[in-house]
Amino acid sequence: MRFIVISFLLAFVLKLSGQESFPLNNCSWTCSNSIYVFYPPGSPPATTIQYYKTGSDTIINGKTFTKIEQYYNGCKSFLRVSGDTVFCKYTLESGFDTTEFILYNFGLSVGDTMNITMSNDGNTIWPAEVMYIDSVLIGDTFHKRLLVNGWLYFAFVEGVGCDNGLFYNELYWVDNWGSTICYSRNDTIFSVDGSGQMNLGNCWQSIGINEPQISEPFIYPNPTKDYIQINLPNISIAKIYSAKGICVLESKKTIIDIHSLPQGIYFVQVLTANNAVYSDKLIIY
C-alpha cells in the first residue's frame, strides 16, 4: 500500500512539474475589467470586456516574442517565456511604457517577493509576496497556482495566466477588479474554476455569443480570514466550494464565520428567494 501511495504522489508531482509554464501557441483569453461608479448613487459598476489571442512570432532585439492581439486594437503587446518566467513588452500603440518587464514568475516559493510593474500607474514597481502555493484542475491536469499579495490579491495559474485577467498589472489601486472569464487553447475552452470542465471552441470566436454578465462583488471583506458578509437581499442559502468543487460550508445567514476553513481560493454561490443565483470568488488568507 505504501508503494502505491508513493507511486501516486510521484506521478502527481511529475505531472505538475512537467507543465508548460506558459504556452504561447493557439491560445485566447476573455477578460473583464470593472470599476466602481459613485455618481449618480446606485449606479452599477462600469465593465469592459477584452478579448486576446496569441499571434505570430517576431524578433525584437535578438529575442523571440509572440504577438498578443486584442480585438479591434490589433497587436497590444509581445510575450516571451524563459523557463518559469513570462516577460512582457507593450507596443507603442498600447499607450504604456515599452520597457520589457516580468509579467509572471511561476518559479517562486512561499515568502518570495516579485516586483510587479503597475502599468496604469506610470510603471510603479510594487513588491508582491507569494502567500501560498497550491494547484487547480484545468482540464484533466493540475496546474500550479500562486497567490500573490500585491496592491490586490492575484492568483497566478501556470499555463493560463492570472484569474484577475491576463494583464492584471493594468488594474488600478482601488475600486477596480478584473477576472479571466474564458481561457482556451487549441480550440478547447477550459473552465478556470477548478472543475476541470472542457468544451470545444475558443474565446476569440465566441465574441458576441452569450457574452457573460459581470456583477458587482457581493462578498465583504474579501480577502478575509474570520468572516464574510453577504451583501444581497433575501438570501435562501449560501454555499462555499473549494477549488476542487467540494461544498465545504453552507449557511442561511448574511454573516458567515469562515475561520475554520484553511487558507486558499474558494467559490461562493448564493441562492435568493426569487431563485436568482450569484457566484463570486473568495480568498481566505
Protein backbone atom coordinates (compact mmCIF):
# COMPACT_ATOMS: atom_id res chain seq x y z
CA MET A 1 0.00 0.00 0.00
CA ARG A 2 2.84 2.39 0.86
CA PHE A 3 4.41 1.74 -2.55
CA ILE A 4 1.11 2.53 -4.30
CA VAL A 5 0.68 5.82 -2.39
CA ILE A 6 4.28 6.89 -3.04
CA SER A 7 3.94 6.00 -6.72
CA PHE A 8 0.74 8.02 -7.00
CA LEU A 9 2.30 11.07 -5.33
CA LEU A 10 5.38 10.81 -7.53
CA ALA A 11 3.24 10.63 -10.66
CA PHE A 12 1.24 13.66 -9.49
CA VAL A 13 4.37 15.73 -8.83
CA LEU A 14 5.89 14.75 -12.18
CA LYS A 15 2.67 15.69 -14.00
CA LEU A 16 2.53 19.02 -12.21
CA SER A 17 6.23 19.86 -12.67
CA GLY A 18 6.16 18.80 -16.31
CA GLN A 19 3.68 21.57 -17.05
CA GLU A 20 4.48 24.23 -19.64
CA SER A 21 4.88 27.41 -17.64
CA PHE A 22 3.05 29.45 -20.27
CA PRO A 23 2.25 28.08 -23.74
CA LEU A 24 2.10 30.72 -26.45
CA ASN A 25 0.53 28.90 -29.37
CA ASN A 26 -3.15 29.00 -30.37
CA CYS A 27 -4.34 30.47 -27.05
CA SER A 28 -7.09 33.02 -26.38
CA TRP A 29 -8.50 34.79 -23.34
CA THR A 30 -11.61 36.78 -22.48
CA CYS A 31 -11.11 39.13 -19.53
CA SER A 32 -13.26 41.68 -17.72
CA ASN A 33 -12.27 44.92 -16.03
CA SER A 34 -14.75 46.63 -13.71
CA ILE A 35 -14.57 49.88 -11.77
CA TYR A 36 -16.99 51.39 -9.24
CA VAL A 37 -19.18 54.30 -10.37
CA PHE A 38 -20.06 56.59 -7.46
CA TYR A 39 -22.28 59.10 -9.25
CA PRO A 40 -25.15 59.05 -9.55
CA PRO A 41 -25.57 56.96 -6.38
CA GLY A 42 -26.63 53.39 -7.02
CA SER A 43 -25.00 53.21 -10.44
CA PRO A 44 -23.77 49.75 -11.48
CA PRO A 45 -20.03 49.24 -11.98
CA ALA A 46 -18.61 50.16 -15.37
CA THR A 47 -17.34 46.97 -17.01
CA THR A 48 -15.34 46.42 -20.16
CA ILE A 49 -14.62 43.08 -21.82
CA GLN A 50 -11.28 42.43 -23.57
CA TYR A 51 -10.52 39.62 -25.99
CA TYR A 52 -6.93 38.49 -26.57
CA LYS A 53 -5.26 35.80 -28.64
CA THR A 54 -1.73 34.71 -29.47
CA GLY A 55 -0.47 35.71 -32.89
CA SER A 56 2.70 35.17 -34.88
CA ASP A 57 6.25 35.33 -33.56
CA THR A 58 8.54 38.30 -34.04
CA ILE A 59 12.17 39.14 -33.26
CA ILE A 60 12.90 42.17 -31.05
CA ASN A 61 16.50 42.96 -30.07
CA GLY A 62 17.51 39.39 -30.89
CA LYS A 63 14.78 37.83 -28.71
CA THR A 64 11.76 35.87 -29.98
CA PHE A 65 8.41 37.20 -28.78
CA THR A 66 4.83 36.15 -29.51
CA LYS A 67 2.37 38.86 -30.50
CA ILE A 68 -0.71 39.23 -28.28
CA GLU A 69 -3.57 40.58 -30.38
CA GLN A 70 -6.54 42.43 -28.92
CA TYR A 71 -9.94 42.50 -30.61
CA TYR A 72 -10.39 45.79 -32.53
CA ASN A 73 -6.96 47.11 -31.44
CA GLY A 74 -4.50 44.81 -33.23
CA CYS A 75 -1.23 43.87 -31.55
CA LYS A 76 -1.29 45.03 -27.93
CA SER A 77 1.93 43.53 -26.57
CA PHE A 78 4.62 40.91 -27.00
CA LEU A 79 5.23 37.99 -24.62
CA ARG A 80 8.17 35.62 -24.35
CA VAL A 81 8.86 32.74 -21.98
CA SER A 82 12.19 31.83 -20.41
CA GLY A 83 11.93 28.87 -18.04
CA ASP A 84 9.32 29.74 -15.40
CA THR A 85 9.28 33.44 -16.25
CA VAL A 86 6.98 35.29 -18.67
CA PHE A 87 8.26 38.62 -19.98
CA CYS A 88 6.02 41.32 -21.46
CA LYS A 89 6.77 44.25 -23.74
CA TYR A 90 3.99 46.65 -24.78
CA THR A 91 3.64 48.18 -28.23
CA LEU A 92 3.87 51.93 -28.77
CA GLU A 93 0.18 51.93 -29.73
CA SER A 94 -0.83 50.50 -26.34
CA GLY A 95 -0.06 53.79 -24.59
CA PHE A 96 2.08 52.04 -21.96
CA ASP A 97 5.83 52.13 -21.42
CA THR A 98 7.55 49.76 -23.88
CA THR A 99 10.30 48.62 -21.49
CA GLU A 100 10.33 44.83 -21.07
CA PHE A 101 9.20 43.61 -17.63
CA ILE A 102 8.31 40.38 -15.83
CA LEU A 103 4.58 39.64 -16.06
CA TYR A 104 4.63 36.20 -14.38
CA ASN A 105 7.16 34.13 -12.46
CA PHE A 106 5.95 30.61 -11.71
CA GLY A 107 9.25 29.53 -10.15
CA LEU A 108 8.75 31.44 -6.90
CA SER A 109 8.34 29.86 -3.46
CA VAL A 110 6.18 30.91 -0.50
CA GLY A 111 7.68 34.02 1.07
CA ASP A 112 9.46 35.11 -2.12
CA THR A 113 8.85 38.61 -3.45
CA MET A 114 8.09 39.50 -7.06
CA ASN A 115 8.34 43.08 -8.29
CA ILE A 116 5.14 43.78 -10.24
CA THR A 117 5.12 46.61 -12.77
CA MET A 118 1.92 48.66 -12.36
CA SER A 119 1.34 49.80 -15.94
CA ASN A 120 -1.59 52.07 -15.09
CA ASP A 121 0.49 53.97 -12.54
CA GLY A 122 3.47 55.09 -14.60
CA ASN A 123 5.26 51.74 -14.29
CA THR A 124 5.46 51.94 -10.50
CA ILE A 125 7.16 48.83 -9.09
CA TRP A 126 5.17 47.02 -6.40
CA PRO A 127 6.91 44.32 -4.30
CA ALA A 128 4.37 41.48 -4.05
CA GLU A 129 4.81 38.49 -1.73
CA VAL A 130 3.85 34.90 -2.54
CA MET A 131 1.42 33.94 0.25
CA TYR A 132 0.88 30.28 -0.61
CA ILE A 133 1.08 27.78 -3.45
CA ASP A 134 -1.39 25.05 -4.39
CA SER A 135 -2.80 23.55 -7.59
CA VAL A 136 -6.03 23.88 -9.56
CA LEU A 137 -7.60 21.45 -12.02
CA ILE A 138 -7.62 22.81 -15.59
CA GLY A 139 -9.00 20.21 -17.97
CA ASP A 140 -7.53 16.87 -16.89
CA THR A 141 -4.31 18.35 -15.47
CA PHE A 142 -3.48 20.08 -12.19
CA HIS A 143 -1.80 23.44 -12.72
CA LYS A 144 0.41 25.18 -10.19
CA ARG A 145 -1.22 28.25 -8.62
CA LEU A 146 0.45 31.04 -6.64
CA LEU A 147 -1.48 33.54 -4.50
CA VAL A 148 0.45 36.82 -4.67
CA ASN A 149 -0.26 39.75 -2.35
CA GLY A 150 0.26 42.97 -4.28
CA TRP A 151 -1.96 46.09 -4.23
CA LEU A 152 -4.63 43.44 -4.83
CA TYR A 153 -4.52 39.67 -4.34
CA PHE A 154 -3.60 37.94 -7.60
CA ALA A 155 -3.76 34.20 -8.32
CA PHE A 156 -1.21 33.21 -10.98
CA VAL A 157 -2.11 29.91 -12.68
CA GLU A 158 0.70 28.19 -14.57
CA GLY A 159 -0.16 27.70 -18.23
CA VAL A 160 -3.17 30.04 -18.03
CA GLY A 161 -2.22 33.45 -16.63
CA CYS A 162 -3.98 35.23 -13.76
CA ASP A 163 -7.56 34.85 -12.58
CA ASN A 164 -7.74 38.67 -12.35
CA GLY A 165 -7.11 38.94 -16.10
CA LEU A 166 -4.22 38.22 -18.43
CA PHE A 167 -2.87 41.76 -17.93
CA TYR A 168 -3.69 42.00 -14.22
CA ASN A 169 -0.94 44.64 -13.91
CA GLU A 170 -3.25 47.17 -15.61
CA LEU A 171 -5.75 47.18 -12.71
CA TYR A 172 -5.90 50.38 -10.67
CA TRP A 173 -5.05 50.69 -6.99
CA VAL A 174 -8.61 50.97 -5.67
CA ASP A 175 -12.23 50.48 -6.72
CA ASN A 176 -11.17 48.24 -9.59
CA TRP A 177 -11.27 44.49 -10.13
CA GLY A 178 -10.78 42.10 -13.00
CA SER A 179 -11.42 38.50 -13.97
CA THR A 180 -10.41 35.89 -16.54
CA ILE A 181 -13.78 34.61 -17.74
CA CYS A 182 -12.62 32.44 -20.65
CA TYR A 183 -9.38 30.64 -21.50
CA SER A 184 -8.84 28.39 -24.50
CA ARG A 185 -6.01 26.55 -26.20
CA ASN A 186 -6.02 24.52 -29.42
CA ASP A 187 -9.77 25.14 -29.89
CA THR A 188 -10.70 23.81 -26.45
CA ILE A 189 -12.22 26.09 -23.80
CA PHE A 190 -11.08 25.23 -20.27
CA SER A 191 -13.00 26.22 -17.16
CA VAL A 192 -10.72 28.15 -14.79
CA ASP A 193 -12.79 27.48 -11.63
CA GLY A 194 -11.11 24.14 -10.82
CA SER A 195 -13.98 21.98 -12.11
CA GLY A 196 -11.93 20.51 -14.97
CA GLN A 197 -14.75 21.22 -17.43
CA MET A 198 -13.80 21.44 -21.12
CA ASN A 199 -15.76 22.42 -24.24
CA LEU A 200 -14.96 22.73 -27.91
CA GLY A 201 -14.38 26.28 -29.12
CA ASN A 202 -12.15 29.24 -28.38
CA CYS A 203 -12.61 32.53 -26.56
CA TRP A 204 -11.82 34.67 -29.60
CA GLN A 205 -14.53 33.20 -31.86
CA SER A 206 -17.13 33.36 -29.07
CA ILE A 207 -17.15 37.17 -29.27
CA GLY A 208 -20.73 38.40 -29.06
CA ILE A 209 -22.13 34.94 -28.26
CA ASN A 210 -23.57 34.63 -24.76
CA GLU A 211 -21.29 37.38 -23.52
CA PRO A 212 -21.00 36.95 -19.74
CA GLN A 213 -22.77 39.38 -17.45
CA ILE A 214 -20.42 40.77 -14.80
CA SER A 215 -21.99 41.77 -11.49
CA GLU A 216 -20.61 43.84 -8.63
CA PRO A 217 -18.85 41.79 -5.91
CA PHE A 218 -21.20 40.93 -3.04
CA ILE A 219 -18.77 39.41 -0.50
CA TYR A 220 -17.13 41.64 2.12
CA PRO A 221 -14.42 41.66 3.31
CA ASN A 222 -12.54 39.79 0.59
CA PRO A 223 -9.80 38.61 1.11
CA THR A 224 -10.58 37.66 4.71
CA LYS A 225 -9.70 35.14 7.42
CA ASP A 226 -12.50 35.32 10.01
CA TYR A 227 -15.91 36.01 8.48
CA ILE A 228 -17.70 37.21 5.35
CA GLN A 229 -20.81 39.30 4.89
CA ILE A 230 -23.17 38.58 2.00
CA ASN A 231 -24.45 41.87 0.61
CA LEU A 232 -27.56 40.50 -1.12
CA PRO A 233 -31.25 40.71 -0.16
CA ASN A 234 -33.50 37.74 0.66
CA ILE A 235 -30.86 35.03 0.90
CA SER A 236 -32.18 31.47 0.81
CA ILE A 237 -28.83 29.72 1.18
CA ALA A 238 -25.14 30.40 0.63
CA LYS A 239 -22.69 27.62 -0.23
CA ILE A 240 -18.90 27.81 -0.19
CA TYR A 241 -16.99 25.48 -2.50
CA SER A 242 -13.32 24.55 -2.50
CA ALA A 243 -11.22 24.92 -5.66
CA LYS A 244 -11.93 21.22 -6.31
CA GLY A 245 -15.69 21.84 -6.39
CA ILE A 246 -16.46 20.34 -2.95
CA CYS A 247 -19.06 22.14 -0.80
CA VAL A 248 -17.28 22.88 2.48
CA LEU A 249 -19.80 25.17 4.17
CA GLU A 250 -23.49 26.10 3.95
CA SER A 251 -25.33 28.92 5.70
CA LYS A 252 -28.60 30.84 5.57
CA LYS A 253 -27.08 33.84 7.36
CA THR A 254 -25.75 37.05 5.84
CA ILE A 255 -22.68 36.96 8.13
CA ILE A 256 -20.79 33.67 7.92
CA ASP A 257 -17.96 32.51 10.19
CA ILE A 258 -15.22 31.02 7.98
CA HIS A 259 -12.25 30.98 10.41
CA SER A 260 -12.25 27.14 10.42
CA LEU A 261 -11.55 26.94 6.68
CA PRO A 262 -7.89 26.68 5.60
CA GLN A 263 -6.36 29.45 3.51
CA GLY A 264 -6.97 29.18 -0.19
CA ILE A 265 -9.25 30.21 -3.02
CA TYR A 266 -12.96 29.34 -2.75
CA PHE A 267 -16.13 29.99 -4.72
CA VAL A 268 -19.32 31.26 -3.09
CA GLN A 269 -22.73 30.55 -4.60
CA VAL A 270 -25.82 32.27 -3.21
CA LEU A 271 -29.45 31.42 -3.99
CA THR A 272 -32.01 34.14 -3.22
CA ALA A 273 -35.73 33.88 -2.51
CA ASN A 274 -36.60 34.76 -6.12
CA ASN A 275 -34.36 31.89 -7.36
CA ALA A 276 -31.59 34.20 -8.60
CA VAL A 277 -28.11 32.65 -8.36
CA TYR A 278 -25.00 34.71 -7.64
CA SER A 279 -21.40 33.50 -7.71
CA ASP A 280 -18.16 35.11 -6.59
CA LYS A 281 -14.60 34.17 -5.73
CA LEU A 282 -13.44 34.24 -2.09
CA ILE A 283 -9.84 34.37 -0.88
CA ILE A 284 -9.08 33.17 2.66
CA TYR A 285 -5.60 34.03 3.92
